[in-house]
PDB file of N, CA and C in Angstrom:
ATOM      1  N   MET A   1     -11.192   3.561 -20.094  1.00  0.00           N
ATOM      2  CA  MET A   1      -9.954   3.330 -19.381  1.00  0.00           C
ATOM      3  C   MET A   1      -8.795   3.365 -20.372  1.00  0.00           C
ATOM      4  N   TYR A   2      -7.719   3.994 -19.953  1.00  0.00           N
ATOM      5  CA  TYR A   2      -6.516   4.099 -20.771  1.00  0.00           C
ATOM      6  C   TYR A   2      -5.548   2.973 -20.407  1.00  0.00           C
ATOM      7  N   ARG A   3      -4.679   2.630 -21.348  1.00  0.00           N
ATOM      8  CA  ARG A   3      -3.694   1.563 -21.151  1.00  0.00           C
ATOM      9  C   ARG A   3      -2.350   2.189 -20.795  1.00  0.00           C
ATOM     10  N   LEU A   4      -1.689   1.669 -19.772  1.00  0.00           N
ATOM     11  CA  LEU A   4      -0.403   2.178 -19.314  1.00  0.00           C
ATOM     12  C   LEU A   4       0.730   1.568 -20.128  1.00  0.00           C
ATOM     13  N   THR A   5       1.648   2.420 -20.590  1.00  0.00           N
ATOM     14  CA  THR A   5       2.829   1.951 -21.312  1.00  0.00           C
ATOM     15  C   THR A   5       4.052   2.719 -20.835  1.00  0.00           C
ATOM     16  N   TYR A   6       5.177   2.077 -20.859  1.00  0.00           N
ATOM     17  CA  TYR A   6       6.458   2.758 -20.682  1.00  0.00           C
ATOM     18  C   TYR A   6       7.580   1.855 -21.135  1.00  0.00           C
ATOM     19  N   ASP A   7       8.730   2.491 -21.511  1.00  0.00           N
ATOM     20  CA  ASP A   7       9.821   1.677 -22.026  1.00  0.00           C
ATOM     21  C   ASP A   7      10.554   0.986 -20.880  1.00  0.00           C
ATOM     22  N   LEU A   8      11.452   0.084 -21.234  1.00  0.00           N
ATOM     23  CA  LEU A   8      12.117  -0.739 -20.226  1.00  0.00           C
ATOM     24  C   LEU A   8      12.965   0.076 -19.260  1.00  0.00           C
ATOM     25  N   GLY A   9      13.586   1.144 -19.727  1.00  0.00           N
ATOM     26  CA  GLY A   9      14.399   1.982 -18.844  1.00  0.00           C
ATOM     27  C   GLY A   9      13.576   2.640 -17.758  1.00  0.00           C
ATOM     28  N   VAL A  10      12.432   3.160 -18.128  1.00  0.00           N
ATOM     29  CA  VAL A  10      11.547   3.799 -17.151  1.00  0.00           C
ATOM     30  C   VAL A  10      10.932   2.751 -16.229  1.00  0.00           C
ATOM     31  N   GLU A  11      10.605   1.611 -16.775  1.00  0.00           N
ATOM     32  CA  GLU A  11      10.072   0.526 -15.955  1.00  0.00           C
ATOM     33  C   GLU A  11      11.109   0.090 -14.915  1.00  0.00           C
ATOM     34  N   ALA A  12      12.381   0.069 -15.300  1.00  0.00           N
ATOM     35  CA  ALA A  12      13.451  -0.305 -14.371  1.00  0.00           C
ATOM     36  C   ALA A  12      13.560   0.694 -13.224  1.00  0.00           C
ATOM     37  N   VAL A  13      13.354   1.973 -13.519  1.00  0.00           N
ATOM     38  CA  VAL A  13      13.362   2.993 -12.464  1.00  0.00           C
ATOM     39  C   VAL A  13      12.212   2.732 -11.497  1.00  0.00           C
ATOM     40  N   HIS A  14      11.037   2.452 -12.040  1.00  0.00           N
ATOM     41  CA  HIS A  14       9.873   2.161 -11.196  1.00  0.00           C
ATOM     42  C   HIS A  14      10.143   0.938 -10.321  1.00  0.00           C
ATOM     43  N   ASP A  15      10.705  -0.093 -10.911  1.00  0.00           N
ATOM     44  CA  ASP A  15      10.992  -1.324 -10.173  1.00  0.00           C
ATOM     45  C   ASP A  15      12.054  -1.122  -9.089  1.00  0.00           C
ATOM     46  N   ALA A  16      12.927  -0.144  -9.267  1.00  0.00           N
ATOM     47  CA  ALA A  16      14.011   0.104  -8.313  1.00  0.00           C
ATOM     48  C   ALA A  16      13.585   0.974  -7.133  1.00  0.00           C
ATOM     49  N   LEU A  17      12.397   1.541  -7.189  1.00  0.00           N
ATOM     50  CA  LEU A  17      11.921   2.373  -6.079  1.00  0.00           C
ATOM     51  C   LEU A  17      11.690   1.517  -4.836  1.00  0.00           C
ATOM     52  N   PRO A  18      11.817   2.118  -3.655  1.00  0.00           N
ATOM     53  CA  PRO A  18      11.444   1.382  -2.440  1.00  0.00           C
ATOM     54  C   PRO A  18       9.989   0.900  -2.561  1.00  0.00           C
ATOM     55  N   PRO A  19       9.685  -0.267  -1.993  1.00  0.00           N
ATOM     56  CA  PRO A  19       8.351  -0.875  -2.184  1.00  0.00           C
ATOM     57  C   PRO A  19       7.165   0.045  -1.890  1.00  0.00           C
ATOM     58  N   SER A  20       7.184   0.770  -0.801  1.00  0.00           N
ATOM     59  CA  SER A  20       6.016   1.609  -0.471  1.00  0.00           C
ATOM     60  C   SER A  20       5.848   2.751  -1.466  1.00  0.00           C
ATOM     61  N   ILE A  21       6.956   3.281  -1.959  1.00  0.00           N
ATOM     62  CA  ILE A  21       6.895   4.377  -2.924  1.00  0.00           C
ATOM     63  C   ILE A  21       6.456   3.845  -4.285  1.00  0.00           C
ATOM     64  N   SER A  22       6.960   2.685  -4.658  1.00  0.00           N
ATOM     65  CA  SER A  22       6.548   2.045  -5.904  1.00  0.00           C
ATOM     66  C   SER A  22       5.054   1.742  -5.893  1.00  0.00           C
ATOM     67  N   GLU A  23       4.567   1.248  -4.776  1.00  0.00           N
ATOM     68  CA  GLU A  23       3.138   0.935  -4.659  1.00  0.00           C
ATOM     69  C   GLU A  23       2.291   2.194  -4.777  1.00  0.00           C
ATOM     70  N   ALA A  24       2.697   3.273  -4.119  1.00  0.00           N
ATOM     71  CA  ALA A  24       1.946   4.533  -4.199  1.00  0.00           C
ATOM     72  C   ALA A  24       1.930   5.060  -5.632  1.00  0.00           C
ATOM     73  N   LEU A  25       3.058   4.943  -6.320  1.00  0.00           N
ATOM     74  CA  LEU A  25       3.113   5.388  -7.712  1.00  0.00           C
ATOM     75  C   LEU A  25       2.241   4.499  -8.598  1.00  0.00           C
ATOM     76  N   THR A  26       2.242   3.207  -8.349  1.00  0.00           N
ATOM     77  CA  THR A  26       1.401   2.279  -9.110  1.00  0.00           C
ATOM     78  C   THR A  26      -0.076   2.623  -8.951  1.00  0.00           C
ATOM     79  N   VAL A  27      -0.486   2.902  -7.723  1.00  0.00           N
ATOM     80  CA  VAL A  27      -1.884   3.283  -7.471  1.00  0.00           C
ATOM     81  C   VAL A  27      -2.222   4.588  -8.195  1.00  0.00           C
ATOM     82  N   ALA A  28      -1.303   5.557  -8.135  1.00  0.00           N
ATOM     83  CA  ALA A  28      -1.537   6.839  -8.804  1.00  0.00           C
ATOM     84  C   ALA A  28      -1.604   6.658 -10.327  1.00  0.00           C
ATOM     85  N   LEU A  29      -0.758   5.803 -10.872  1.00  0.00           N
ATOM     86  CA  LEU A  29      -0.798   5.535 -12.311  1.00  0.00           C
ATOM     87  C   LEU A  29      -2.095   4.838 -12.711  1.00  0.00           C
ATOM     88  N   ASP A  30      -2.588   3.947 -11.866  1.00  0.00           N
ATOM     89  CA  ASP A  30      -3.868   3.303 -12.127  1.00  0.00           C
ATOM     90  C   ASP A  30      -4.993   4.340 -12.157  1.00  0.00           C
ATOM     91  N   THR A  31      -4.958   5.263 -11.219  1.00  0.00           N
ATOM     92  CA  THR A  31      -5.951   6.334 -11.186  1.00  0.00           C
ATOM     93  C   THR A  31      -5.843   7.193 -12.446  1.00  0.00           C
ATOM     94  N   ALA A  32      -4.608   7.470 -12.879  1.00  0.00           N
ATOM     95  CA  ALA A  32      -4.405   8.259 -14.096  1.00  0.00           C
ATOM     96  C   ALA A  32      -4.944   7.536 -15.324  1.00  0.00           C
ATOM     97  N   CYS A  33      -4.878   6.220 -15.330  1.00  0.00           N
ATOM     98  CA  CYS A  33      -5.427   5.458 -16.460  1.00  0.00           C
ATOM     99  C   CYS A  33      -6.952   5.532 -16.493  1.00  0.00           C
ATOM    100  N   GLN A  34      -7.560   5.741 -15.362  1.00  0.00           N
ATOM    101  CA  GLN A  34      -9.018   5.868 -15.295  1.00  0.00           C
ATOM    102  C   GLN A  34      -9.470   7.281 -15.640  1.00  0.00           C
ATOM    103  N   ASP A  35      -8.679   8.289 -15.228  1.00  0.00           N
ATOM    104  CA  ASP A  35      -9.023   9.699 -15.458  1.00  0.00           C
ATOM    105  C   ASP A  35      -7.738  10.490 -15.666  1.00  0.00           C
ATOM    106  N   PRO A  36      -7.155  10.434 -16.872  1.00  0.00           N
ATOM    107  CA  PRO A  36      -5.841  11.032 -17.095  1.00  0.00           C
ATOM    108  C   PRO A  36      -5.760  12.529 -16.788  1.00  0.00           C
ATOM    109  N   LEU A  37      -6.762  13.275 -17.118  1.00  0.00           N
ATOM    110  CA  LEU A  37      -6.698  14.713 -16.882  1.00  0.00           C
ATOM    111  C   LEU A  37      -7.064  15.078 -15.452  1.00  0.00           C
ATOM    112  N   GLY A  38      -7.943  14.333 -14.850  1.00  0.00           N
ATOM    113  CA  GLY A  38      -8.355  14.627 -13.478  1.00  0.00           C
ATOM    114  C   GLY A  38      -7.331  14.214 -12.440  1.00  0.00           C
ATOM    115  N   ALA A  39      -6.521  13.211 -12.748  1.00  0.00           N
ATOM    116  CA  ALA A  39      -5.561  12.678 -11.779  1.00  0.00           C
ATOM    117  C   ALA A  39      -4.170  13.289 -11.912  1.00  0.00           C
ATOM    118  N   THR A  40      -3.994  14.180 -12.880  1.00  0.00           N
ATOM    119  CA  THR A  40      -2.673  14.739 -13.158  1.00  0.00           C
ATOM    120  C   THR A  40      -2.734  16.254 -13.246  1.00  0.00           C
ATOM    121  N   GLU A  41      -1.551  16.851 -13.314  1.00  0.00           N
ATOM    122  CA  GLU A  41      -1.422  18.294 -13.476  1.00  0.00           C
ATOM    123  C   GLU A  41      -0.803  18.569 -14.843  1.00  0.00           C
ATOM    124  N   PRO A  42      -1.065  19.753 -15.407  1.00  0.00           N
ATOM    125  CA  PRO A  42      -0.395  20.087 -16.669  1.00  0.00           C
ATOM    126  C   PRO A  42       1.122  20.105 -16.481  1.00  0.00           C
ATOM    127  N   TYR A  43       1.842  19.669 -17.482  1.00  0.00           N
ATOM    128  CA  TYR A  43       3.300  19.745 -17.492  1.00  0.00           C
ATOM    129  C   TYR A  43       3.660  20.774 -18.546  1.00  0.00           C
ATOM    130  N   GLY A  44       4.034  21.959 -18.100  1.00  0.00           N
ATOM    131  CA  GLY A  44       4.249  23.066 -19.026  1.00  0.00           C
ATOM    132  C   GLY A  44       2.910  23.651 -19.427  1.00  0.00           C
ATOM    133  N   GLU A  45       2.753  23.911 -20.710  1.00  0.00           N
ATOM    134  CA  GLU A  45       1.498  24.452 -21.217  1.00  0.00           C
ATOM    135  C   GLU A  45       0.407  23.394 -21.121  1.00  0.00           C
ATOM    136  N   ASP A  46      -0.777  23.796 -20.720  1.00  0.00           N
ATOM    137  CA  ASP A  46      -1.873  22.837 -20.548  1.00  0.00           C
ATOM    138  C   ASP A  46      -2.465  22.467 -21.901  1.00  0.00           C
ATOM    139  N   ASP A  47      -1.848  21.455 -22.536  1.00  0.00           N
ATOM    140  CA  ASP A  47      -2.320  21.000 -23.837  1.00  0.00           C
ATOM    141  C   ASP A  47      -3.142  19.721 -23.740  1.00  0.00           C
ATOM    142  N   GLY A  48      -3.312  19.195 -22.505  1.00  0.00           N
ATOM    143  CA  GLY A  48      -4.077  17.969 -22.313  1.00  0.00           C
ATOM    144  C   GLY A  48      -3.326  16.719 -22.729  1.00  0.00           C
ATOM    145  N   VAL A  49      -2.053  16.879 -23.100  1.00  0.00           N
ATOM    146  CA  VAL A  49      -1.264  15.748 -23.581  1.00  0.00           C
ATOM    147  C   VAL A  49      -0.083  15.474 -22.664  1.00  0.00           C
ATOM    148  N   MET A  50       0.720  16.485 -22.390  1.00  0.00           N
ATOM    149  CA  MET A  50       1.858  16.338 -21.476  1.00  0.00           C
ATOM    150  C   MET A  50       1.358  16.630 -20.054  1.00  0.00           C
ATOM    151  N   ARG A  51       1.502  15.625 -19.181  1.00  0.00           N
ATOM    152  CA  ARG A  51       0.943  15.751 -17.831  1.00  0.00           C
ATOM    153  C   ARG A  51       1.982  15.339 -16.797  1.00  0.00           C
ATOM    154  N   TRP A  52       1.758  15.790 -15.584  1.00  0.00           N
ATOM    155  CA  TRP A  52       2.649  15.526 -14.471  1.00  0.00           C
ATOM    156  C   TRP A  52       1.846  14.833 -13.378  1.00  0.00           C
ATOM    157  N   LEU A  53       2.305  13.669 -12.960  1.00  0.00           N
ATOM    158  CA  LEU A  53       1.663  12.900 -11.893  1.00  0.00           C
ATOM    159  C   LEU A  53       2.535  13.026 -10.653  1.00  0.00           C
ATOM    160  N   ILE A  54       1.952  13.465  -9.569  1.00  0.00           N
ATOM    161  CA  ILE A  54       2.728  13.736  -8.363  1.00  0.00           C
ATOM    162  C   ILE A  54       2.186  12.904  -7.198  1.00  0.00           C
ATOM    163  N   THR A  55       3.088  12.139  -6.572  1.00  0.00           N
ATOM    164  CA  THR A  55       2.758  11.459  -5.328  1.00  0.00           C
ATOM    165  C   THR A  55       3.618  12.088  -4.229  1.00  0.00           C
ATOM    166  N   ARG A  56       3.509  11.571  -3.042  1.00  0.00           N
ATOM    167  CA  ARG A  56       4.227  12.167  -1.916  1.00  0.00           C
ATOM    168  C   ARG A  56       5.748  12.114  -2.092  1.00  0.00           C
ATOM    169  N   GLN A  57       6.269  11.024  -2.664  1.00  0.00           N
ATOM    170  CA  GLN A  57       7.713  10.884  -2.775  1.00  0.00           C
ATOM    171  C   GLN A  57       8.219  10.567  -4.181  1.00  0.00           C
ATOM    172  N   ALA A  58       7.339  10.650  -5.158  1.00  0.00           N
ATOM    173  CA  ALA A  58       7.750  10.410  -6.544  1.00  0.00           C
ATOM    174  C   ALA A  58       6.856  11.218  -7.475  1.00  0.00           C
ATOM    175  N   SER A  59       7.370  11.438  -8.663  1.00  0.00           N
ATOM    176  CA  SER A  59       6.554  12.078  -9.691  1.00  0.00           C
ATOM    177  C   SER A  59       6.876  11.425 -11.023  1.00  0.00           C
ATOM    178  N   ALA A  60       5.984  11.604 -11.965  1.00  0.00           N
ATOM    179  CA  ALA A  60       6.178  11.028 -13.288  1.00  0.00           C
ATOM    180  C   ALA A  60       5.678  12.011 -14.339  1.00  0.00           C
ATOM    181  N   ILE A  61       6.391  12.082 -15.434  1.00  0.00           N
ATOM    182  CA  ILE A  61       5.960  12.858 -16.583  1.00  0.00           C
ATOM    183  C   ILE A  61       5.275  11.886 -17.533  1.00  0.00           C
ATOM    184  N   LEU A  62       4.069  12.247 -17.930  1.00  0.00           N
ATOM    185  CA  LEU A  62       3.238  11.359 -18.736  1.00  0.00           C
ATOM    186  C   LEU A  62       2.874  11.988 -20.075  1.00  0.00           C
ATOM    187  N   LEU A  63       2.710  11.149 -21.067  1.00  0.00           N
ATOM    188  CA  LEU A  63       2.189  11.543 -22.365  1.00  0.00           C
ATOM    189  C   LEU A  63       0.841  10.849 -22.519  1.00  0.00           C
ATOM    190  N   ILE A  64      -0.207  11.638 -22.656  1.00  0.00           N
ATOM    191  CA  ILE A  64      -1.556  11.084 -22.758  1.00  0.00           C
ATOM    192  C   ILE A  64      -1.925  10.973 -24.237  1.00  0.00           C
ATOM    193  N   GLY A  65      -2.190   9.759 -24.681  1.00  0.00           N
ATOM    194  CA  GLY A  65      -2.610   9.509 -26.064  1.00  0.00           C
ATOM    195  C   GLY A  65      -4.115   9.307 -26.101  1.00  0.00           C
ATOM    196  N   HIS A  66      -4.824  10.378 -26.352  1.00  0.00           N
ATOM    197  CA  HIS A  66      -6.289  10.309 -26.304  1.00  0.00           C
ATOM    198  C   HIS A  66      -6.867   9.441 -27.421  1.00  0.00           C
ATOM    199  N   THR A  67      -6.256   9.445 -28.585  1.00  0.00           N
ATOM    200  CA  THR A  67      -6.781   8.670 -29.708  1.00  0.00           C
ATOM    201  C   THR A  67      -6.662   7.170 -29.449  1.00  0.00           C
ATOM    202  N   LEU A  68      -5.477   6.743 -29.011  1.00  0.00           N
ATOM    203  CA  LEU A  68      -5.249   5.320 -28.750  1.00  0.00           C
ATOM    204  C   LEU A  68      -5.529   4.930 -27.302  1.00  0.00           C
ATOM    205  N   LYS A  69      -5.908   5.913 -26.490  1.00  0.00           N
ATOM    206  CA  LYS A  69      -6.215   5.704 -25.072  1.00  0.00           C
ATOM    207  C   LYS A  69      -5.037   5.059 -24.339  1.00  0.00           C
ATOM    208  N   THR A  70      -3.890   5.763 -24.391  1.00  0.00           N
ATOM    209  CA  THR A  70      -2.697   5.304 -23.695  1.00  0.00           C
ATOM    210  C   THR A  70      -2.186   6.384 -22.754  1.00  0.00           C
ATOM    211  N   VAL A  71      -1.579   5.943 -21.675  1.00  0.00           N
ATOM    212  CA  VAL A  71      -0.833   6.801 -20.765  1.00  0.00           C
ATOM    213  C   VAL A  71       0.590   6.264 -20.795  1.00  0.00           C
ATOM    214  N   THR A  72       1.497   7.042 -21.365  1.00  0.00           N
ATOM    215  CA  THR A  72       2.887   6.616 -21.489  1.00  0.00           C
ATOM    216  C   THR A  72       3.731   7.349 -20.462  1.00  0.00           C
ATOM    217  N   VAL A  73       4.446   6.593 -19.644  1.00  0.00           N
ATOM    218  CA  VAL A  73       5.329   7.178 -18.636  1.00  0.00           C
ATOM    219  C   VAL A  73       6.649   7.486 -19.318  1.00  0.00           C
ATOM    220  N   LEU A  74       7.010   8.769 -19.363  1.00  0.00           N
ATOM    221  CA  LEU A  74       8.248   9.187 -20.020  1.00  0.00           C
ATOM    222  C   LEU A  74       9.429   9.249 -19.050  1.00  0.00           C
ATOM    223  N   GLN A  75       9.160   9.691 -17.823  1.00  0.00           N
ATOM    224  CA  GLN A  75      10.202   9.802 -16.799  1.00  0.00           C
ATOM    225  C   GLN A  75       9.580   9.596 -15.441  1.00  0.00           C
ATOM    226  N   ILE A  76      10.385   9.056 -14.538  1.00  0.00           N
ATOM    227  CA  ILE A  76       9.994   8.934 -13.133  1.00  0.00           C
ATOM    228  C   ILE A  76      11.089   9.595 -12.300  1.00  0.00           C
ATOM    229  N   HIS A  77      10.658  10.411 -11.354  1.00  0.00           N
ATOM    230  CA  HIS A  77      11.587  11.091 -10.453  1.00  0.00           C
ATOM    231  C   HIS A  77      11.289  10.657  -9.025  1.00  0.00           C
ATOM    232  N   TYR A  78      12.307  10.201  -8.342  1.00  0.00           N
ATOM    233  CA  TYR A  78      12.199   9.819  -6.927  1.00  0.00           C
ATOM    234  C   TYR A  78      12.583  11.026  -6.096  1.00  0.00           C
ATOM    235  N   LEU A  79      11.691  11.475  -5.255  1.00  0.00           N
ATOM    236  CA  LEU A  79      11.909  12.682  -4.473  1.00  0.00           C
ATOM    237  C   LEU A  79      12.550  12.387  -3.134  1.00  0.00           C
ATOM    238  N   GLY A  80      12.731  11.097  -2.848  1.00  0.00           N
ATOM    239  CA  GLY A  80      13.319  10.520  -1.681  1.00  0.00           C
ATOM    240  C   GLY A  80      13.661  11.360  -0.572  1.00  0.00           C
TER     241      GLY A  80
END
């Protein structure tokens, strides 16, 4: 299992989402922590590191740290 990390600015975006959208993104991020490559899509070139997590109304750009087993949320986009 990978550990989820993100900076305070990105966390604030997540916290500001409507509750149902925030919950769906939280569930998707939990799934990504269990299977980072299976739960996400390549972001740009498929290097296994930069990944895109897509839910129905939000998406997130992730950095997968395989050595330290981290999933870092770099950006969150609300598709509202």
